[in-house]
Protein backbone atom coordinates (compact mmCIF):
# COMPACT_ATOMS: atom_id res chain seq x y z
CA MET A 1 -85.97 113.18 -18.96
CA THR A 2 -84.50 111.27 -21.89
CA LEU A 3 -81.78 112.59 -24.20
CA THR A 4 -84.32 113.28 -26.95
CA GLU A 5 -86.58 115.11 -24.51
CA PHE A 6 -83.65 117.14 -23.21
CA ASP A 7 -82.60 118.27 -26.68
CA ASN A 8 -86.19 119.19 -27.53
CA TYR A 9 -86.38 121.22 -24.33
CA ILE A 10 -83.07 123.02 -25.01
CA ASN A 11 -84.17 123.83 -28.53
CA THR A 12 -87.34 125.55 -27.31
CA PHE A 13 -85.16 128.55 -26.44
CA LEU A 14 -81.87 128.08 -28.36
CA ARG A 15 -83.72 127.35 -31.63
CA LYS A 16 -81.06 125.77 -33.84
CA GLU A 17 -83.41 126.00 -36.84
CA ASP A 18 -82.91 129.79 -36.79
CA TYR A 19 -79.18 129.30 -37.47
CA ALA A 20 -79.16 126.99 -40.48
CA LYS A 21 -75.94 128.55 -41.81
CA ASP A 22 -73.98 127.51 -38.70
CA ILE A 23 -71.39 124.92 -39.75
CA SER A 24 -71.62 123.25 -36.36
CA LEU A 25 -74.03 120.32 -36.13
CA ASN A 26 -76.18 121.78 -33.37
CA GLY A 27 -78.11 119.47 -31.10
CA ILE A 28 -77.32 115.85 -30.27
CA GLN A 29 -73.90 114.99 -31.70
CA ILE A 30 -73.39 111.65 -29.93
CA GLN A 31 -76.36 109.75 -28.56
CA ASN A 32 -76.36 107.33 -25.64
CA SER A 33 -77.41 103.67 -25.83
CA ALA A 34 -81.13 104.51 -25.55
CA PRO A 35 -81.86 108.15 -26.40
CA ASP A 36 -85.64 107.70 -26.18
CA SER A 37 -85.81 105.69 -22.96
CA LYS A 38 -82.67 106.06 -20.79
CA GLN A 39 -83.25 108.70 -18.13
CA ILE A 40 -80.77 111.55 -17.89
CA LYS A 41 -80.02 112.12 -14.21
CA LYS A 42 -76.84 114.21 -14.25
CA ILE A 43 -75.61 116.71 -16.84
CA ALA A 44 -72.11 118.14 -17.19
CA PHE A 45 -71.59 121.52 -18.88
CA ALA A 46 -68.35 122.69 -20.50
CA VAL A 47 -67.11 125.05 -23.19
CA ASP A 48 -65.36 122.39 -25.30
CA ALA A 49 -66.00 118.77 -26.19
CA CYS A 50 -62.61 117.08 -25.84
CA GLU A 51 -61.08 114.01 -24.23
CA ALA A 52 -60.48 115.86 -20.96
CA THR A 53 -64.03 117.16 -20.49
CA ALA A 54 -65.55 113.83 -21.55
CA LYS A 55 -63.38 111.94 -19.06
CA LYS A 56 -64.20 114.31 -16.22
CA ALA A 57 -67.91 114.14 -17.02
CA ALA A 58 -67.81 110.34 -17.01
CA GLU A 59 -65.76 110.21 -13.80
CA GLN A 60 -68.34 112.39 -12.08
CA GLY A 61 -71.21 110.18 -13.19
CA ALA A 62 -72.73 112.45 -15.83
CA ASP A 63 -75.04 110.95 -18.46
CA LEU A 64 -74.70 113.89 -20.83
CA LEU A 65 -72.14 116.56 -21.69
CA PHE A 66 -73.53 119.87 -22.98
CA VAL A 67 -71.00 122.14 -24.72
CA HIS A 68 -70.58 125.24 -26.87
CA HIS A 69 -67.86 123.76 -29.10
CA GLY A 70 -68.85 120.29 -30.25
CA LEU A 71 -66.94 117.72 -32.27
CA PHE A 72 -68.59 118.01 -35.68
CA TRP A 73 -68.31 121.03 -37.94
CA GLY A 74 -70.08 120.00 -41.13
CA ALA A 75 -67.28 118.07 -42.87
CA CYS A 76 -66.63 114.33 -42.88
CA GLN A 77 -63.64 113.32 -40.77
CA THR A 78 -61.85 110.04 -40.17
CA ILE A 79 -62.08 108.76 -36.59
CA THR A 80 -58.35 108.54 -35.96
CA GLY A 81 -55.77 110.13 -33.67
CA SER A 82 -57.13 112.82 -31.35
CA PHE A 83 -60.61 112.55 -32.88
CA TYR A 84 -60.73 108.84 -31.97
CA LYS A 85 -59.67 109.61 -28.38
CA ARG A 86 -62.49 112.09 -28.03
CA ILE A 87 -65.25 110.01 -29.56
CA SER A 88 -64.19 106.74 -27.91
CA THR A 89 -64.40 108.36 -24.48
CA PHE A 90 -68.06 109.16 -25.08
CA ILE A 91 -68.89 105.74 -26.51
CA LYS A 92 -67.06 103.71 -23.84
CA ASN A 93 -68.85 105.58 -21.05
CA ASP A 94 -72.27 105.73 -22.74
CA LEU A 95 -71.95 109.50 -22.40
CA ALA A 96 -74.11 111.58 -24.73
CA LEU A 97 -72.93 114.84 -26.29
CA CYS A 98 -75.12 117.84 -27.05
CA ALA A 99 -73.62 120.99 -28.62
CA TYR A 100 -75.00 124.42 -29.45
CA HIS A 101 -72.65 126.84 -31.20
CA ILE A 102 -74.01 130.04 -32.81
CA PRO A 103 -77.40 129.61 -31.10
CA LEU A 104 -75.52 129.85 -27.79
CA ASP A 105 -73.56 132.91 -28.90
CA ALA A 106 -76.62 134.83 -30.03
CA ASN A 107 -79.36 133.90 -27.58
CA ASN A 108 -81.03 136.56 -25.47
CA PRO A 109 -80.76 136.21 -22.48
CA TYR A 110 -78.87 132.88 -22.17
CA GLY A 111 -76.13 133.36 -24.78
CA ASN A 112 -72.52 134.42 -24.41
CA ASN A 113 -72.96 137.94 -25.72
CA PHE A 114 -76.15 138.97 -23.97
CA GLY A 115 -74.79 137.28 -20.85
CA ILE A 116 -71.69 139.48 -20.95
CA ALA A 117 -73.87 142.53 -21.62
CA SER A 118 -75.95 141.68 -18.56
CA LYS A 119 -72.82 141.26 -16.43
CA LEU A 120 -71.67 144.73 -17.49
CA GLY A 121 -75.12 146.20 -16.91
CA LEU A 122 -75.45 147.48 -20.49
CA LEU A 123 -78.54 149.54 -21.22
CA ASN A 124 -80.47 150.02 -24.48
CA CYS A 125 -79.11 146.75 -25.86
CA GLU A 126 -79.45 145.96 -29.56
CA GLN A 127 -78.22 143.18 -31.80
CA PHE A 128 -74.80 143.80 -33.30
CA GLY A 129 -72.46 142.11 -35.78
CA SER A 130 -73.13 139.15 -38.03
CA TRP A 131 -71.49 135.99 -39.34
CA ARG A 132 -72.76 134.33 -42.52
CA GLY A 133 -75.85 136.49 -42.28
CA MET A 134 -76.59 135.47 -38.68
CA ILE A 135 -76.64 138.28 -36.12
CA LEU A 136 -74.87 137.10 -32.97
CA GLY A 137 -73.51 140.06 -30.98
CA VAL A 138 -74.93 142.84 -28.85
CA LYS A 139 -74.21 146.53 -28.35
CA GLY A 140 -75.35 148.90 -25.65
CA GLU A 141 -74.51 151.70 -23.26
CA LEU A 142 -72.81 151.50 -19.89
CA PRO A 143 -74.80 152.96 -16.99
CA GLN A 144 -71.75 155.06 -16.13
CA GLU A 145 -68.70 155.99 -18.16
CA CYS A 146 -65.45 154.22 -17.24
CA THR A 147 -61.94 153.62 -18.53
CA VAL A 148 -61.05 150.57 -20.60
CA LYS A 149 -59.10 149.14 -17.65
CA GLU A 150 -62.08 149.59 -15.34
CA LEU A 151 -64.32 147.88 -17.89
CA ALA A 152 -61.94 144.92 -18.18
CA SER A 153 -61.91 144.58 -14.39
CA LYS A 154 -65.70 144.64 -14.30
CA LEU A 155 -65.79 141.91 -16.93
CA LEU A 156 -63.06 139.63 -15.58
CA GLY A 157 -62.78 140.53 -11.92
CA PRO A 158 -59.74 141.80 -9.99
CA VAL A 159 -57.54 138.73 -10.55
CA LYS A 160 -57.89 137.67 -14.18
CA GLU A 161 -56.19 139.62 -16.96
CA PRO A 162 -57.45 140.04 -20.54
CA ARG A 163 -55.47 138.46 -23.35
CA ALA A 164 -55.10 141.95 -24.79
CA LEU A 165 -56.18 145.41 -23.71
CA LEU A 166 -55.80 148.08 -26.37
CA ALA A 167 -56.49 151.59 -25.06
CA PHE A 168 -56.64 153.25 -28.46
CA GLY A 169 -59.87 155.19 -28.09
CA LYS A 170 -61.69 157.53 -25.76
CA GLU A 171 -60.45 157.69 -22.19
CA LYS A 172 -64.03 157.40 -20.92
CA ILE A 173 -66.12 154.63 -22.47
CA LYS A 174 -69.89 154.76 -22.85
CA THR A 175 -70.87 152.56 -25.83
CA VAL A 176 -69.75 148.93 -26.14
CA GLY A 177 -70.06 146.16 -28.73
CA ILE A 178 -69.64 142.49 -27.79
CA ILE A 179 -68.99 139.33 -29.81
CA SER A 180 -67.48 136.45 -27.85
CA GLY A 181 -64.84 133.99 -29.02
CA GLY A 182 -62.79 134.51 -32.16
CA ALA A 183 -64.37 137.62 -33.68
CA SER A 184 -61.41 139.93 -34.19
CA GLU A 185 -62.51 141.01 -37.67
CA ASP A 186 -65.81 142.33 -36.31
CA VAL A 187 -63.97 145.30 -34.86
CA ASN A 188 -64.85 146.76 -38.28
CA ASP A 189 -68.53 146.76 -37.28
CA ALA A 190 -67.71 148.45 -33.97
CA ILE A 191 -65.74 151.12 -35.84
CA SER A 192 -68.49 151.70 -38.40
CA GLU A 193 -71.04 152.13 -35.60
CA ASN A 194 -68.73 154.56 -33.78
CA LEU A 195 -68.63 152.51 -30.58
CA ASP A 196 -66.19 153.44 -27.84
CA CYS A 197 -65.05 149.89 -27.07
CA TYR A 198 -65.17 146.45 -28.66
CA ILE A 199 -65.10 143.30 -26.52
CA THR A 200 -64.28 139.88 -27.97
CA GLY A 201 -62.34 136.78 -27.01
CA GLU A 202 -59.33 136.81 -29.35
CA PHE A 203 -57.85 139.77 -31.19
CA GLU A 204 -55.63 139.03 -34.17
CA HIS A 205 -52.35 140.71 -35.10
CA GLU A 206 -53.77 141.80 -38.44
CA HIS A 207 -56.38 144.01 -36.76
CA PHE A 208 -54.06 145.74 -34.25
CA HIS A 209 -53.13 148.70 -36.44
CA LEU A 210 -56.68 149.03 -37.74
CA ALA A 211 -57.94 149.51 -34.16
CA LYS A 212 -55.11 151.94 -33.40
CA GLU A 213 -55.55 154.02 -36.53
CA MET A 214 -59.32 154.21 -36.11
CA GLY A 215 -59.08 155.05 -32.43
CA ILE A 216 -61.17 152.33 -30.78
CA ASN A 217 -60.61 150.60 -27.45
CA VAL A 218 -60.46 146.80 -27.56
CA ILE A 219 -60.67 144.19 -24.83
CA ALA A 220 -59.77 140.63 -25.82
CA ALA A 221 -60.97 138.81 -22.73
CA GLY A 222 -60.08 135.30 -23.93
CA HIS A 223 -61.89 132.92 -26.27
CA TYR A 224 -62.47 130.40 -23.50
CA GLU A 225 -63.31 132.98 -20.84
CA THR A 226 -65.96 134.78 -22.90
CA GLU A 227 -67.63 131.51 -23.80
CA THR A 228 -68.01 130.11 -20.31
CA VAL A 229 -70.88 132.58 -19.96
CA GLY A 230 -73.51 130.90 -22.15
CA VAL A 231 -73.02 127.35 -20.90
CA SER A 232 -73.14 128.61 -17.30
CA LEU A 233 -76.41 130.47 -17.91
CA VAL A 234 -77.97 127.44 -19.64
CA MET A 235 -76.83 125.24 -16.75
CA GLN A 236 -78.54 127.54 -14.24
CA LYS A 237 -81.74 127.49 -16.29
CA VAL A 238 -81.72 123.69 -16.66
CA GLN A 239 -81.09 123.14 -12.99
CA ALA A 240 -83.86 125.55 -11.95
CA GLU A 241 -86.47 124.26 -14.39
CA THR A 242 -85.80 120.51 -14.42
CA GLY A 243 -84.28 119.77 -11.01
CA LEU A 244 -81.61 117.63 -12.69
CA GLU A 245 -78.16 117.55 -11.09
CA CYS A 246 -75.80 119.79 -13.06
CA ILE A 247 -72.06 120.35 -12.85
CA PHE A 248 -69.68 122.71 -14.66
CA ILE A 249 -66.39 121.29 -15.90
CA ASP A 250 -63.76 124.02 -16.07
CA GLU A 251 -61.07 123.09 -18.59
CA PRO A 252 -59.47 126.44 -19.49
CA THR A 253 -57.13 126.76 -22.44
CA GLY A 254 -55.60 130.09 -21.43
CA LEU A 255 -56.50 131.40 -24.90
């Protein structure tokens, strides 16, 4: 499979054309030396395109790095400083870069939000929340009521801790809204829809008192942590359907 063929394949289900208002340049962001003829044999998957993930991908013999957060966000930028370090690592190693941002947040079933919903076993799932007119989250009902601490443990496991856990709402949670990453402001949508709990990656200071005053539980499970879900699901799909060797590069930020 060539780079061009791979991107066409990925786009059959992530459908970047449905998210034209996404400021990320979805799809191939850096090509290799022969995108229409060089065969991709090994693919690395990561949350972020950065010098560290590019180096690790190259060191492990990957031909392509697939990420959620790419390098290009719609504006022209000089290739200097940190940006030069990132791009030069790809070029020097003939490593291609493919990025899918909002399409990988919103996709059902391979996106971050529906992936989290599946992990929690949410029932009666519906789309929830929007950004620039693009619906990207999901809401649903838990199969059994639980406390906010129990829900966080189900999401993150017994060892990891959320960035913030705000038990401001009902003691027993039934309805949940999810938008991964940096979607603190979308707690407003969860409040307006009378949900018991809102799950996101980061929760900003400016929304703390809003959540408290309106009586909603919030779990900020980490921007990085909530967005490992989509790339992992896509990796599993690619590996199963193409037989290509796939690896996940874990480069957590702690945020």
